[in-house]
Amino acid sequence: MPEEPPAQPPATASPGQQPQRIVVVPTKSVGLAVLLAVIFGPLGLLYSTVMGAIVMFVVNIVVALVTVGFGLILTWPICGVWAVVATKAYNKNLLDGQR
């Protein structure tokens, strides 16, 4: 019966060297973020950023009341743009180890 090799001790970082980081949180999909924001507006923006969604809910309500709904033609696409920016920033921070 062949002998098993001895178990290796876990590798440790040298003094002054950063240990390797492993990201276990999945990144967010930019395509899905845009799709949700364009279809559902501020509600879809919740996938990308909660604060952005709250801001756009308030902005959309004010704009809809002032313009009798026609202003949503401008604010709805802004949700899509905000979704792209927020998702890219989230993914960058996640991969840089800042989250």
PDB file of N, CA and C in Angstrom:
ATOM      1  N   MET A   1       0.854  -1.160   0.000  1.00  0.00           N
ATOM      2  CA  MET A   1       0.000   0.000   0.000  1.00  0.00           C
ATOM      3  C   MET A   1       0.908   1.233   0.000  1.00  0.00           C
ATOM      4  N   PRO A   2       0.703   2.177  -0.958  1.00  0.00           N
ATOM      5  CA  PRO A   2       1.562   3.361  -1.030  1.00  0.00           C
ATOM      6  C   PRO A   2       1.272   4.309   0.120  1.00  0.00           C
ATOM      7  N   GLU A   3       2.348   4.940   0.560  1.00  0.00           N
ATOM      8  CA  GLU A   3       2.204   5.898   1.651  1.00  0.00           C
ATOM      9  C   GLU A   3       1.745   7.244   1.109  1.00  0.00           C
ATOM     10  N   GLU A   4       0.899   7.910   1.887  1.00  0.00           N
ATOM     11  CA  GLU A   4       0.439   9.242   1.500  1.00  0.00           C
ATOM     12  C   GLU A   4       1.496  10.255   1.906  1.00  0.00           C
ATOM     13  N   PRO A   5       1.670  11.304   1.072  1.00  0.00           N
ATOM     14  CA  PRO A   5       2.647  12.328   1.442  1.00  0.00           C
ATOM     15  C   PRO A   5       2.170  13.071   2.689  1.00  0.00           C
ATOM     16  N   PRO A   6       3.098  13.556   3.493  1.00  0.00           N
ATOM     17  CA  PRO A   6       2.685  14.285   4.711  1.00  0.00           C
ATOM     18  C   PRO A   6       1.923  15.555   4.338  1.00  0.00           C
ATOM     19  N   ALA A   7       0.982  15.903   5.181  1.00  0.00           N
ATOM     20  CA  ALA A   7       0.176  17.106   4.948  1.00  0.00           C
ATOM     21  C   ALA A   7       1.060  18.336   5.020  1.00  0.00           C
ATOM     22  N   GLN A   8       0.870  19.253   4.081  1.00  0.00           N
ATOM     23  CA  GLN A   8       1.646  20.488   4.038  1.00  0.00           C
ATOM     24  C   GLN A   8       1.006  21.505   4.979  1.00  0.00           C
ATOM     25  N   PRO A   9       1.806  22.205   5.749  1.00  0.00           N
ATOM     26  CA  PRO A   9       1.225  23.258   6.591  1.00  0.00           C
ATOM     27  C   PRO A   9       0.736  24.397   5.699  1.00  0.00           C
ATOM     28  N   PRO A  10      -0.279  25.136   6.150  1.00  0.00           N
ATOM     29  CA  PRO A  10      -0.790  26.243   5.321  1.00  0.00           C
ATOM     30  C   PRO A  10       0.290  27.295   5.099  1.00  0.00           C
ATOM     31  N   ALA A  11       0.314  27.802   3.860  1.00  0.00           N
ATOM     32  CA  ALA A  11       1.306  28.827   3.523  1.00  0.00           C
ATOM     33  C   ALA A  11       0.960  30.124   4.252  1.00  0.00           C
ATOM     34  N   THR A  12       1.962  30.731   4.818  1.00  0.00           N
ATOM     35  CA  THR A  12       1.758  32.002   5.496  1.00  0.00           C
ATOM     36  C   THR A  12       2.513  33.083   4.739  1.00  0.00           C
ATOM     37  N   ALA A  13       2.054  34.289   4.867  1.00  0.00           N
ATOM     38  CA  ALA A  13       2.702  35.414   4.190  1.00  0.00           C
ATOM     39  C   ALA A  13       3.972  35.783   4.932  1.00  0.00           C
ATOM     40  N   SER A  14       4.969  36.171   4.176  1.00  0.00           N
ATOM     41  CA  SER A  14       6.213  36.642   4.767  1.00  0.00           C
ATOM     42  C   SER A  14       5.961  37.965   5.482  1.00  0.00           C
ATOM     43  N   PRO A  15       6.790  38.297   6.456  1.00  0.00           N
ATOM     44  CA  PRO A  15       6.610  39.598   7.129  1.00  0.00           C
ATOM     45  C   PRO A  15       6.686  40.739   6.116  1.00  0.00           C
ATOM     46  N   GLY A  16       5.736  41.638   6.182  1.00  0.00           N
ATOM     47  CA  GLY A  16       5.701  42.783   5.266  1.00  0.00           C
ATOM     48  C   GLY A  16       4.999  42.481   3.950  1.00  0.00           C
ATOM     49  N   GLN A  17       4.567  41.253   3.747  1.00  0.00           N
ATOM     50  CA  GLN A  17       3.895  40.890   2.498  1.00  0.00           C
ATOM     51  C   GLN A  17       2.416  40.674   2.787  1.00  0.00           C
ATOM     52  N   GLN A  18       1.569  41.176   1.895  1.00  0.00           N
ATOM     53  CA  GLN A  18       0.119  41.032   2.055  1.00  0.00           C
ATOM     54  C   GLN A  18      -0.283  39.585   1.788  1.00  0.00           C
ATOM     55  N   PRO A  19      -1.181  39.020   2.597  1.00  0.00           N
ATOM     56  CA  PRO A  19      -1.671  37.682   2.301  1.00  0.00           C
ATOM     57  C   PRO A  19      -2.572  37.723   1.061  1.00  0.00           C
ATOM     58  N   GLN A  20      -2.677  36.598   0.399  1.00  0.00           N
ATOM     59  CA  GLN A  20      -3.521  36.519  -0.794  1.00  0.00           C
ATOM     60  C   GLN A  20      -4.978  36.616  -0.378  1.00  0.00           C
ATOM     61  N   ARG A  21      -5.736  37.399  -1.125  1.00  0.00           N
ATOM     62  CA  ARG A  21      -7.165  37.555  -0.834  1.00  0.00           C
ATOM     63  C   ARG A  21      -7.963  36.748  -1.835  1.00  0.00           C
ATOM     64  N   ILE A  22      -9.004  36.127  -1.345  1.00  0.00           N
ATOM     65  CA  ILE A  22      -9.888  35.360  -2.202  1.00  0.00           C
ATOM     66  C   ILE A  22     -11.266  35.993  -2.108  1.00  0.00           C
ATOM     67  N   VAL A  23     -11.803  36.423  -3.247  1.00  0.00           N
ATOM     68  CA  VAL A  23     -13.117  37.058  -3.291  1.00  0.00           C
ATOM     69  C   VAL A  23     -14.173  35.963  -3.348  1.00  0.00           C
ATOM     70  N   VAL A  24     -15.054  35.954  -2.369  1.00  0.00           N
ATOM     71  CA  VAL A  24     -16.108  34.951  -2.335  1.00  0.00           C
ATOM     72  C   VAL A  24     -17.486  35.556  -2.608  1.00  0.00           C
ATOM     73  N   VAL A  25     -17.532  36.860  -2.748  1.00  0.00           N
ATOM     74  CA  VAL A  25     -18.786  37.538  -3.073  1.00  0.00           C
ATOM     75  C   VAL A  25     -18.838  37.685  -4.593  1.00  0.00           C
ATOM     76  N   PRO A  26     -19.923  37.258  -5.221  1.00  0.00           N
ATOM     77  CA  PRO A  26     -19.975  37.361  -6.681  1.00  0.00           C
ATOM     78  C   PRO A  26     -20.096  38.816  -7.134  1.00  0.00           C
ATOM     79  N   THR A  27     -19.540  39.094  -8.307  1.00  0.00           N
ATOM     80  CA  THR A  27     -19.681  40.428  -8.876  1.00  0.00           C
ATOM     81  C   THR A  27     -21.090  40.576  -9.429  1.00  0.00           C
ATOM     82  N   LYS A  28     -21.482  41.811  -9.674  1.00  0.00           N
ATOM     83  CA  LYS A  28     -22.804  42.079 -10.238  1.00  0.00           C
ATOM     84  C   LYS A  28     -22.685  42.224 -11.747  1.00  0.00           C
ATOM     85  N   SER A  29     -23.699  41.790 -12.449  1.00  0.00           N
ATOM     86  CA  SER A  29     -23.718  41.849 -13.902  1.00  0.00           C
ATOM     87  C   SER A  29     -24.159  43.240 -14.365  1.00  0.00           C
ATOM     88  N   VAL A  30     -23.327  43.873 -15.197  1.00  0.00           N
ATOM     89  CA  VAL A  30     -23.665  45.196 -15.720  1.00  0.00           C
ATOM     90  C   VAL A  30     -24.866  45.093 -16.652  1.00  0.00           C
ATOM     91  N   GLY A  31     -24.896  44.060 -17.477  1.00  0.00           N
ATOM     92  CA  GLY A  31     -26.017  43.876 -18.404  1.00  0.00           C
ATOM     93  C   GLY A  31     -27.338  43.712 -17.682  1.00  0.00           C
ATOM     94  N   LEU A  32     -27.342  42.896 -16.640  1.00  0.00           N
ATOM     95  CA  LEU A  32     -28.565  42.698 -15.855  1.00  0.00           C
ATOM     96  C   LEU A  32     -28.971  43.990 -15.156  1.00  0.00           C
ATOM     97  N   ALA A  33     -27.997  44.727 -14.666  1.00  0.00           N
ATOM     98  CA  ALA A  33     -28.290  45.997 -13.987  1.00  0.00           C
ATOM     99  C   ALA A  33     -28.982  46.969 -14.933  1.00  0.00           C
ATOM    100  N   VAL A  34     -28.463  47.079 -16.162  1.00  0.00           N
ATOM    101  CA  VAL A  34     -29.071  47.984 -17.150  1.00  0.00           C
ATOM    102  C   VAL A  34     -30.471  47.506 -17.514  1.00  0.00           C
ATOM    103  N   LEU A  35     -30.597  46.216 -17.763  1.00  0.00           N
ATOM    104  CA  LEU A  35     -31.909  45.675 -18.142  1.00  0.00           C
ATOM    105  C   LEU A  35     -32.954  45.955 -17.067  1.00  0.00           C
ATOM    106  N   LEU A  36     -32.610  45.689 -15.814  1.00  0.00           N
ATOM    107  CA  LEU A  36     -33.557  45.924 -14.724  1.00  0.00           C
ATOM    108  C   LEU A  36     -33.892  47.408 -14.578  1.00  0.00           C
ATOM    109  N   ALA A  37     -32.872  48.262 -14.715  1.00  0.00           N
ATOM    110  CA  ALA A  37     -33.105  49.699 -14.550  1.00  0.00           C
ATOM    111  C   ALA A  37     -33.931  50.266 -15.693  1.00  0.00           C
ATOM    112  N   VAL A  38     -33.725  49.783 -16.900  1.00  0.00           N
ATOM    113  CA  VAL A  38     -34.492  50.293 -18.044  1.00  0.00           C
ATOM    114  C   VAL A  38     -35.937  49.791 -17.991  1.00  0.00           C
ATOM    115  N   ILE A  39     -36.126  48.552 -17.583  1.00  0.00           N
ATOM    116  CA  ILE A  39     -37.489  47.999 -17.537  1.00  0.00           C
ATOM    117  C   ILE A  39     -38.262  48.525 -16.329  1.00  0.00           C
ATOM    118  N   PHE A  40     -37.621  48.520 -15.155  1.00  0.00           N
ATOM    119  CA  PHE A  40     -38.336  48.848 -13.921  1.00  0.00           C
ATOM    120  C   PHE A  40     -37.984  50.207 -13.324  1.00  0.00           C
ATOM    121  N   GLY A  41     -37.077  50.941 -13.945  1.00  0.00           N
ATOM    122  CA  GLY A  41     -36.705  52.272 -13.452  1.00  0.00           C
ATOM    123  C   GLY A  41     -36.028  52.199 -12.104  1.00  0.00           C
ATOM    124  N   PRO A  42     -36.451  53.024 -11.161  1.00  0.00           N
ATOM    125  CA  PRO A  42     -35.815  53.052  -9.838  1.00  0.00           C
ATOM    126  C   PRO A  42     -35.914  51.716  -9.098  1.00  0.00           C
ATOM    127  N   LEU A  43     -36.957  50.975  -9.336  1.00  0.00           N
ATOM    128  CA  LEU A  43     -37.092  49.670  -8.692  1.00  0.00           C
ATOM    129  C   LEU A  43     -35.990  48.724  -9.174  1.00  0.00           C
ATOM    130  N   GLY A  44     -35.677  48.741 -10.464  1.00  0.00           N
ATOM    131  CA  GLY A  44     -34.594  47.931 -11.000  1.00  0.00           C
ATOM    132  C   GLY A  44     -33.227  48.425 -10.557  1.00  0.00           C
ATOM    133  N   LEU A  45     -33.144  49.697 -10.240  1.00  0.00           N
ATOM    134  CA  LEU A  45     -31.887  50.283  -9.772  1.00  0.00           C
ATOM    135  C   LEU A  45     -31.490  49.740  -8.404  1.00  0.00           C
ATOM    136  N   LEU A  46     -32.434  49.148  -7.687  1.00  0.00           N
ATOM    137  CA  LEU A  46     -32.131  48.552  -6.387  1.00  0.00           C
ATOM    138  C   LEU A  46     -31.079  47.450  -6.508  1.00  0.00           C
ATOM    139  N   TYR A  47     -30.992  46.779  -7.658  1.00  0.00           N
ATOM    140  CA  TYR A  47     -29.978  45.743  -7.867  1.00  0.00           C
ATOM    141  C   TYR A  47     -28.576  46.340  -7.791  1.00  0.00           C
ATOM    142  N   SER A  48     -28.414  47.540  -8.300  1.00  0.00           N
ATOM    143  CA  SER A  48     -27.093  48.169  -8.370  1.00  0.00           C
ATOM    144  C   SER A  48     -26.762  48.966  -7.122  1.00  0.00           C
ATOM    145  N   THR A  49     -27.677  49.825  -6.703  1.00  0.00           N
ATOM    146  CA  THR A  49     -27.416  50.715  -5.578  1.00  0.00           C
ATOM    147  C   THR A  49     -28.728  51.091  -4.898  1.00  0.00           C
ATOM    148  N   VAL A  50     -28.767  50.855  -3.616  1.00  0.00           N
ATOM    149  CA  VAL A  50     -29.980  51.160  -2.854  1.00  0.00           C
ATOM    150  C   VAL A  50     -30.161  52.674  -2.721  1.00  0.00           C
ATOM    151  N   MET A  51     -29.081  53.387  -2.417  1.00  0.00           N
ATOM    152  CA  MET A  51     -29.187  54.841  -2.250  1.00  0.00           C
ATOM    153  C   MET A  51     -29.597  55.499  -3.577  1.00  0.00           C
ATOM    154  N   GLY A  52     -29.041  55.040  -4.674  1.00  0.00           N
ATOM    155  CA  GLY A  52     -29.410  55.575  -5.982  1.00  0.00           C
ATOM    156  C   GLY A  52     -30.877  55.334  -6.296  1.00  0.00           C
ATOM    157  N   ALA A  53     -31.370  54.169  -5.903  1.00  0.00           N
ATOM    158  CA  ALA A  53     -32.778  53.851  -6.139  1.00  0.00           C
ATOM    159  C   ALA A  53     -33.692  54.773  -5.333  1.00  0.00           C
ATOM    160  N   ILE A  54     -33.326  55.035  -4.084  1.00  0.00           N
ATOM    161  CA  ILE A  54     -34.136  55.919  -3.246  1.00  0.00           C
ATOM    162  C   ILE A  54     -34.151  57.333  -3.834  1.00  0.00           C
ATOM    163  N   VAL A  55     -32.976  57.811  -4.248  1.00  0.00           N
ATOM    164  CA  VAL A  55     -32.889  59.146  -4.848  1.00  0.00           C
ATOM    165  C   VAL A  55     -33.754  59.216  -6.102  1.00  0.00           C
ATOM    166  N   MET A  56     -33.651  58.206  -6.960  1.00  0.00           N
ATOM    167  CA  MET A  56     -34.420  58.243  -8.209  1.00  0.00           C
ATOM    168  C   MET A  56     -35.917  58.069  -7.971  1.00  0.00           C
ATOM    169  N   PHE A  57     -36.317  57.344  -6.922  1.00  0.00           N
ATOM    170  CA  PHE A  57     -37.742  57.269  -6.577  1.00  0.00           C
ATOM    171  C   PHE A  57     -38.273  58.676  -6.286  1.00  0.00           C
ATOM    172  N   VAL A  58     -37.544  59.404  -5.450  1.00  0.00           N
ATOM    173  CA  VAL A  58     -37.979  60.759  -5.088  1.00  0.00           C
ATOM    174  C   VAL A  58     -37.975  61.672  -6.309  1.00  0.00           C
ATOM    175  N   VAL A  59     -36.894  61.628  -7.093  1.00  0.00           N
ATOM    176  CA  VAL A  59     -36.795  62.471  -8.293  1.00  0.00           C
ATOM    177  C   VAL A  59     -37.926  62.140  -9.259  1.00  0.00           C
ATOM    178  N   ASN A  60     -38.193  60.864  -9.479  1.00  0.00           N
ATOM    179  CA  ASN A  60     -39.254  60.482 -10.414  1.00  0.00           C
ATOM    180  C   ASN A  60     -40.631  60.941  -9.939  1.00  0.00           C
ATOM    181  N   ILE A  61     -40.874  60.876  -8.655  1.00  0.00           N
ATOM    182  CA  ILE A  61     -42.172  61.330  -8.139  1.00  0.00           C
ATOM    183  C   ILE A  61     -42.328  62.832  -8.370  1.00  0.00           C
ATOM    184  N   VAL A  62     -41.295  63.594  -8.038  1.00  0.00           N
ATOM    185  CA  VAL A  62     -41.365  65.049  -8.217  1.00  0.00           C
ATOM    186  C   VAL A  62     -41.520  65.394  -9.698  1.00  0.00           C
ATOM    187  N   VAL A  63     -40.694  64.771 -10.540  1.00  0.00           N
ATOM    188  CA  VAL A  63     -40.745  65.066 -11.981  1.00  0.00           C
ATOM    189  C   VAL A  63     -42.087  64.645 -12.564  1.00  0.00           C
ATOM    190  N   ALA A  64     -42.606  63.507 -12.156  1.00  0.00           N
ATOM    191  CA  ALA A  64     -43.891  63.036 -12.679  1.00  0.00           C
ATOM    192  C   ALA A  64     -45.025  63.977 -12.284  1.00  0.00           C
ATOM    193  N   LEU A  65     -44.993  64.499 -11.063  1.00  0.00           N
ATOM    194  CA  LEU A  65     -46.048  65.408 -10.630  1.00  0.00           C
ATOM    195  C   LEU A  65     -45.965  66.759 -11.350  1.00  0.00           C
ATOM    196  N   VAL A  66     -44.741  67.248 -11.527  1.00  0.00           N
ATOM    197  CA  VAL A  66     -44.560  68.563 -12.146  1.00  0.00           C
ATOM    198  C   VAL A  66     -44.859  68.525 -13.636  1.00  0.00           C
ATOM    199  N   THR A  67     -44.463  67.440 -14.311  1.00  0.00           N
ATOM    200  CA  THR A  67     -44.598  67.380 -15.773  1.00  0.00           C
ATOM    201  C   THR A  67     -45.739  66.481 -16.228  1.00  0.00           C
ATOM    202  N   VAL A  68     -46.592  66.082 -15.330  1.00  0.00           N
ATOM    203  CA  VAL A  68     -47.712  65.190 -15.619  1.00  0.00           C
ATOM    204  C   VAL A  68     -47.210  63.884 -16.269  1.00  0.00           C
ATOM    205  N   GLY A  69     -46.051  63.409 -15.835  1.00  0.00           N
ATOM    206  CA  GLY A  69     -45.515  62.139 -16.293  1.00  0.00           C
ATOM    207  C   GLY A  69     -44.580  62.195 -17.484  1.00  0.00           C
ATOM    208  N   PHE A  70     -44.593  63.300 -18.229  1.00  0.00           N
ATOM    209  CA  PHE A  70     -43.758  63.376 -19.430  1.00  0.00           C
ATOM    210  C   PHE A  70     -42.267  63.478 -19.115  1.00  0.00           C
ATOM    211  N   GLY A  71     -41.926  63.964 -17.963  1.00  0.00           N
ATOM    212  CA  GLY A  71     -40.526  64.091 -17.575  1.00  0.00           C
ATOM    213  C   GLY A  71     -39.850  62.752 -17.326  1.00  0.00           C
ATOM    214  N   LEU A  72     -40.656  61.702 -17.153  1.00  0.00           N
ATOM    215  CA  LEU A  72     -40.089  60.381 -16.940  1.00  0.00           C
ATOM    216  C   LEU A  72     -39.346  59.886 -18.182  1.00  0.00           C
ATOM    217  N   ILE A  73     -39.628  60.487 -19.323  1.00  0.00           N
ATOM    218  CA  ILE A  73     -38.895  60.147 -20.549  1.00  0.00           C
ATOM    219  C   ILE A  73     -37.410  60.464 -20.358  1.00  0.00           C
ATOM    220  N   LEU A  74     -37.096  61.461 -19.556  1.00  0.00           N
ATOM    221  CA  LEU A  74     -35.705  61.808 -19.279  1.00  0.00           C
ATOM    222  C   LEU A  74     -35.143  61.088 -18.059  1.00  0.00           C
ATOM    223  N   THR A  75     -35.934  60.927 -17.026  1.00  0.00           N
ATOM    224  CA  THR A  75     -35.400  60.347 -15.789  1.00  0.00           C
ATOM    225  C   THR A  75     -35.249  58.831 -15.859  1.00  0.00           C
ATOM    226  N   TRP A  76     -36.072  58.165 -16.642  1.00  0.00           N
ATOM    227  CA  TRP A  76     -36.011  56.703 -16.734  1.00  0.00           C
ATOM    228  C   TRP A  76     -34.665  56.232 -17.309  1.00  0.00           C
ATOM    229  N   PRO A  77     -34.191  56.806 -18.423  1.00  0.00           N
ATOM    230  CA  PRO A  77     -32.869  56.398 -18.929  1.00  0.00           C
ATOM    231  C   PRO A  77     -31.722  56.755 -17.974  1.00  0.00           C
ATOM    232  N   ILE A  78     -31.906  57.786 -17.172  1.00  0.00           N
ATOM    233  CA  ILE A  78     -30.881  58.138 -16.193  1.00  0.00           C
ATOM    234  C   ILE A  78     -30.690  56.974 -15.212  1.00  0.00           C
ATOM    235  N   CYS A  79     -31.762  56.269 -14.914  1.00  0.00           N
ATOM    236  CA  CYS A  79     -31.649  55.089 -14.043  1.00  0.00           C
ATOM    237  C   CYS A  79     -30.723  54.046 -14.677  1.00  0.00           C
ATOM    238  N   GLY A  80     -30.835  53.860 -15.989  1.00  0.00           N
ATOM    239  CA  GLY A  80     -29.970  52.901 -16.677  1.00  0.00           C
ATOM    240  C   GLY A  80     -28.513  53.304 -16.625  1.00  0.00           C
ATOM    241  N   VAL A  81     -28.237  54.583 -16.842  1.00  0.00           N
ATOM    242  CA  VAL A  81     -26.860  55.080 -16.784  1.00  0.00           C
ATOM    243  C   VAL A  81     -26.308  54.939 -15.368  1.00  0.00           C
ATOM    244  N   TRP A  82     -27.115  55.313 -14.386  1.00  0.00           N
ATOM    245  CA  TRP A  82     -26.695  55.215 -12.993  1.00  0.00           C
ATOM    246  C   TRP A  82     -26.410  53.753 -12.637  1.00  0.00           C
ATOM    247  N   ALA A  83     -27.206  52.832 -13.166  1.00  0.00           N
ATOM    248  CA  ALA A  83     -26.997  51.409 -12.904  1.00  0.00           C
ATOM    249  C   ALA A  83     -25.637  50.947 -13.420  1.00  0.00           C
ATOM    250  N   VAL A  84     -25.250  51.401 -14.617  1.00  0.00           N
ATOM    251  CA  VAL A  84     -23.949  51.028 -15.178  1.00  0.00           C
ATOM    252  C   VAL A  84     -22.827  51.555 -14.294  1.00  0.00           C
ATOM    253  N   VAL A  85     -22.894  52.813 -13.949  1.00  0.00           N
ATOM    254  CA  VAL A  85     -21.836  53.441 -13.144  1.00  0.00           C
ATOM    255  C   VAL A  85     -21.740  52.776 -11.769  1.00  0.00           C
ATOM    256  N   ALA A  86     -22.870  52.554 -11.133  1.00  0.00           N
ATOM    257  CA  ALA A  86     -22.869  51.968  -9.787  1.00  0.00           C
ATOM    258  C   ALA A  86     -22.379  50.518  -9.805  1.00  0.00           C
ATOM    259  N   THR A  87     -22.770  49.758 -10.801  1.00  0.00           N
ATOM    260  CA  THR A  87     -22.353  48.360 -10.881  1.00  0.00           C
ATOM    261  C   THR A  87     -20.858  48.244 -11.149  1.00  0.00           C
ATOM    262  N   LYS A  88     -20.347  49.085 -12.057  1.00  0.00           N
ATOM    263  CA  LYS A  88     -18.906  49.054 -12.332  1.00  0.00           C
ATOM    264  C   LYS A  88     -18.111  49.464 -11.100  1.00  0.00           C
ATOM    265  N   ALA A  89     -18.583  50.466 -10.372  1.00  0.00           N
ATOM    266  CA  ALA A  89     -17.898  50.908  -9.158  1.00  0.00           C
ATOM    267  C   ALA A  89     -17.935  49.810  -8.095  1.00  0.00           C
ATOM    268  N   TYR A  90     -19.067  49.142  -7.955  1.00  0.00           N
ATOM    269  CA  TYR A  90     -19.191  48.049  -6.985  1.00  0.00           C
ATOM    270  C   TYR A  90     -18.214  46.928  -7.312  1.00  0.00           C
ATOM    271  N   ASN A  91     -18.183  46.513  -8.579  1.00  0.00           N
ATOM    272  CA  ASN A  91     -17.292  45.433  -8.992  1.00  0.00           C
ATOM    273  C   ASN A  91     -15.827  45.816  -8.814  1.00  0.00           C
ATOM    274  N   LYS A  92     -15.487  47.056  -9.152  1.00  0.00           N
ATOM    275  CA  LYS A  92     -14.096  47.506  -9.003  1.00  0.00           C
ATOM    276  C   LYS A  92     -13.690  47.493  -7.530  1.00  0.00           C
ATOM    277  N   ASN A  93     -14.534  48.027  -6.664  1.00  0.00           N
ATOM    278  CA  ASN A  93     -14.244  48.022  -5.222  1.00  0.00           C
ATOM    279  C   ASN A  93     -14.141  46.613  -4.672  1.00  0.00           C
ATOM    280  N   LEU A  94     -14.987  45.733  -5.153  1.00  0.00           N
ATOM    281  CA  LEU A  94     -14.987  44.352  -4.696  1.00  0.00           C
ATOM    282  C   LEU A  94     -13.681  43.659  -5.083  1.00  0.00           C
ATOM    283  N   LEU A  95     -13.253  43.824  -6.319  1.00  0.00           N
ATOM    284  CA  LEU A  95     -12.044  43.178  -6.803  1.00  0.00           C
ATOM    285  C   LEU A  95     -10.772  43.827  -6.254  1.00  0.00           C
ATOM    286  N   ASP A  96     -10.854  45.097  -5.872  1.00  0.00           N
ATOM    287  CA  ASP A  96      -9.708  45.769  -5.261  1.00  0.00           C
ATOM    288  C   ASP A  96      -9.601  45.461  -3.764  1.00  0.00           C
ATOM    289  N   GLY A  97     -10.578  44.746  -3.232  1.00  0.00           N
ATOM    290  CA  GLY A  97     -10.536  44.381  -1.816  1.00  0.00           C
ATOM    291  C   GLY A  97     -11.032  45.448  -0.886  1.00  0.00           C
ATOM    292  N   GLN A  98     -11.821  46.399  -1.390  1.00  0.00           N
ATOM    293  CA  GLN A  98     -12.310  47.472  -0.559  1.00  0.00           C
ATOM    294  C   GLN A  98     -13.689  47.187   0.009  1.00  0.00           C
ATOM    295  N   ARG A  99     -14.271  46.082  -0.287  1.00  0.00           N
ATOM    296  CA  ARG A  99     -15.586  45.716   0.247  1.00  0.00           C
ATOM    297  C   ARG A  99     -15.482  44.460   1.044  1.00  0.00           C
TER     298      ARG A  99
END
